[in-house]
Amino acid sequence: MSTQTTYHITGMTCGHCVQAVTTEISALPGVMAVDVDLAAGTALVTSDSVLPIDEVRHAVDEAGYELAGIDG
């Protein structure tokens, strides 16, 4: 069974931003899909279980952006 969580990310302004965030979050264990919406400033993450928020925050930080919130 998979879970979907929406993360709000600040600082993204272009396609490169989308790619950087997608790459970093996709590398987390258990992540099956990442759909970043630049206009909304969100990343919809499908994973095999709930991801530890600290790991997601670190991945977003590594991409150069800030995790601003979470839904789901």
C-alpha atoms as a PDB file:
ATOM      1  CA  MET A   1       0.000   0.000   0.000  1.00  0.00           C
ATOM      2  CA  SER A   2       1.358   3.405  -0.936  1.00  0.00           C
ATOM      3  CA  THR A   3       0.878   6.826   0.586  1.00  0.00           C
ATOM      4  CA  GLN A   4       0.771  10.280  -1.013  1.00  0.00           C
ATOM      5  CA  THR A   5       1.953  13.418   0.738  1.00  0.00           C
ATOM      6  CA  THR A   6       2.085  16.994  -0.520  1.00  0.00           C
ATOM      7  CA  TYR A   7       5.051  19.081   0.584  1.00  0.00           C
ATOM      8  CA  HIS A   8       5.104  22.872   0.216  1.00  0.00           C
ATOM      9  CA  ILE A   9       8.469  24.151  -0.989  1.00  0.00           C
ATOM     10  CA  THR A  10       9.608  27.762  -1.216  1.00  0.00           C
ATOM     11  CA  GLY A  11      12.243  29.255  -3.489  1.00  0.00           C
ATOM     12  CA  MET A  12      11.548  27.309  -6.695  1.00  0.00           C
ATOM     13  CA  THR A  13      11.463  29.550  -9.779  1.00  0.00           C
ATOM     14  CA  CYS A  14      12.284  27.440 -12.852  1.00  0.00           C
ATOM     15  CA  GLY A  15      12.542  24.018 -14.450  1.00  0.00           C
ATOM     16  CA  HIS A  16      15.993  23.491 -12.962  1.00  0.00           C
ATOM     17  CA  CYS A  17      14.461  23.949  -9.507  1.00  0.00           C
ATOM     18  CA  VAL A  18      11.846  21.300 -10.292  1.00  0.00           C
ATOM     19  CA  GLN A  19      14.539  18.878 -11.475  1.00  0.00           C
ATOM     20  CA  ALA A  20      16.750  19.469  -8.421  1.00  0.00           C
ATOM     21  CA  VAL A  21      13.900  18.873  -5.966  1.00  0.00           C
ATOM     22  CA  THR A  22      12.665  15.834  -7.907  1.00  0.00           C
ATOM     23  CA  THR A  23      16.143  14.287  -7.959  1.00  0.00           C
ATOM     24  CA  GLU A  24      16.803  14.787  -4.238  1.00  0.00           C
ATOM     25  CA  ILE A  25      13.415  13.546  -3.031  1.00  0.00           C
ATOM     26  CA  SER A  26      13.428  10.617  -5.461  1.00  0.00           C
ATOM     27  CA  ALA A  27      16.665   9.395  -3.874  1.00  0.00           C
ATOM     28  CA  LEU A  28      14.980   8.864  -0.493  1.00  0.00           C
ATOM     29  CA  PRO A  29      14.299   5.220   0.420  1.00  0.00           C
ATOM     30  CA  GLY A  30      10.731   4.163  -0.321  1.00  0.00           C
ATOM     31  CA  VAL A  31       9.911   6.974  -2.763  1.00  0.00           C
ATOM     32  CA  MET A  32       8.078   5.668  -5.827  1.00  0.00           C
ATOM     33  CA  ALA A  33       7.173   8.944  -7.587  1.00  0.00           C
ATOM     34  CA  VAL A  34       7.628  12.700  -7.231  1.00  0.00           C
ATOM     35  CA  ASP A  35       5.457  15.253  -9.040  1.00  0.00           C
ATOM     36  CA  VAL A  36       6.665  18.829  -8.500  1.00  0.00           C
ATOM     37  CA  ASP A  37       4.238  21.640  -9.384  1.00  0.00           C
ATOM     38  CA  LEU A  38       6.303  24.801  -9.885  1.00  0.00           C
ATOM     39  CA  ALA A  39       3.298  27.148 -10.012  1.00  0.00           C
ATOM     40  CA  ALA A  40       1.836  25.790  -6.776  1.00  0.00           C
ATOM     41  CA  GLY A  41       5.206  25.381  -5.063  1.00  0.00           C
ATOM     42  CA  THR A  42       4.421  21.805  -4.104  1.00  0.00           C
ATOM     43  CA  ALA A  43       5.789  18.310  -4.472  1.00  0.00           C
ATOM     44  CA  LEU A  44       3.368  15.389  -4.435  1.00  0.00           C
ATOM     45  CA  VAL A  45       5.343  12.375  -3.231  1.00  0.00           C
ATOM     46  CA  THR A  46       4.146   8.799  -3.549  1.00  0.00           C
ATOM     47  CA  SER A  47       6.005   6.429  -1.239  1.00  0.00           C
ATOM     48  CA  ASP A  48       5.611   2.971   0.201  1.00  0.00           C
ATOM     49  CA  SER A  49       5.217   4.436   3.713  1.00  0.00           C
ATOM     50  CA  VAL A  50       5.160   7.811   5.452  1.00  0.00           C
ATOM     51  CA  LEU A  51       8.556   9.454   5.042  1.00  0.00           C
ATOM     52  CA  PRO A  52      10.371  10.912   8.044  1.00  0.00           C
ATOM     53  CA  ILE A  53       9.942  14.699   7.799  1.00  0.00           C
ATOM     54  CA  ASP A  54      13.582  15.288   8.704  1.00  0.00           C
ATOM     55  CA  GLU A  55      14.699  13.227   5.691  1.00  0.00           C
ATOM     56  CA  VAL A  56      12.406  15.143   3.338  1.00  0.00           C
ATOM     57  CA  ARG A  57      13.527  18.475   4.809  1.00  0.00           C
ATOM     58  CA  HIS A  58      17.183  17.482   4.327  1.00  0.00           C
ATOM     59  CA  ALA A  59      16.547  16.433   0.702  1.00  0.00           C
ATOM     60  CA  VAL A  60      14.829  19.748  -0.066  1.00  0.00           C
ATOM     61  CA  ASP A  61      17.669  21.632   1.665  1.00  0.00           C
ATOM     62  CA  GLU A  62      20.220  19.703  -0.414  1.00  0.00           C
ATOM     63  CA  ALA A  63      18.382  20.836  -3.556  1.00  0.00           C
ATOM     64  CA  GLY A  64      18.733  24.437  -2.339  1.00  0.00           C
ATOM     65  CA  TYR A  65      15.159  25.156  -1.270  1.00  0.00           C
ATOM     66  CA  GLU A  66      13.087  25.260   1.894  1.00  0.00           C
ATOM     67  CA  LEU A  67      10.376  22.913   3.076  1.00  0.00           C
ATOM     68  CA  ALA A  68       7.557  25.228   4.173  1.00  0.00           C
ATOM     69  CA  GLY A  69       4.829  22.787   5.126  1.00  0.00           C
ATOM     70  CA  ILE A  70       3.167  19.427   4.630  1.00  0.00           C
ATOM     71  CA  ASP A  71      -0.326  18.144   3.760  1.00  0.00           C
ATOM     72  CA  GLY A  72      -1.311  14.537   4.122  1.00  0.00           C
END
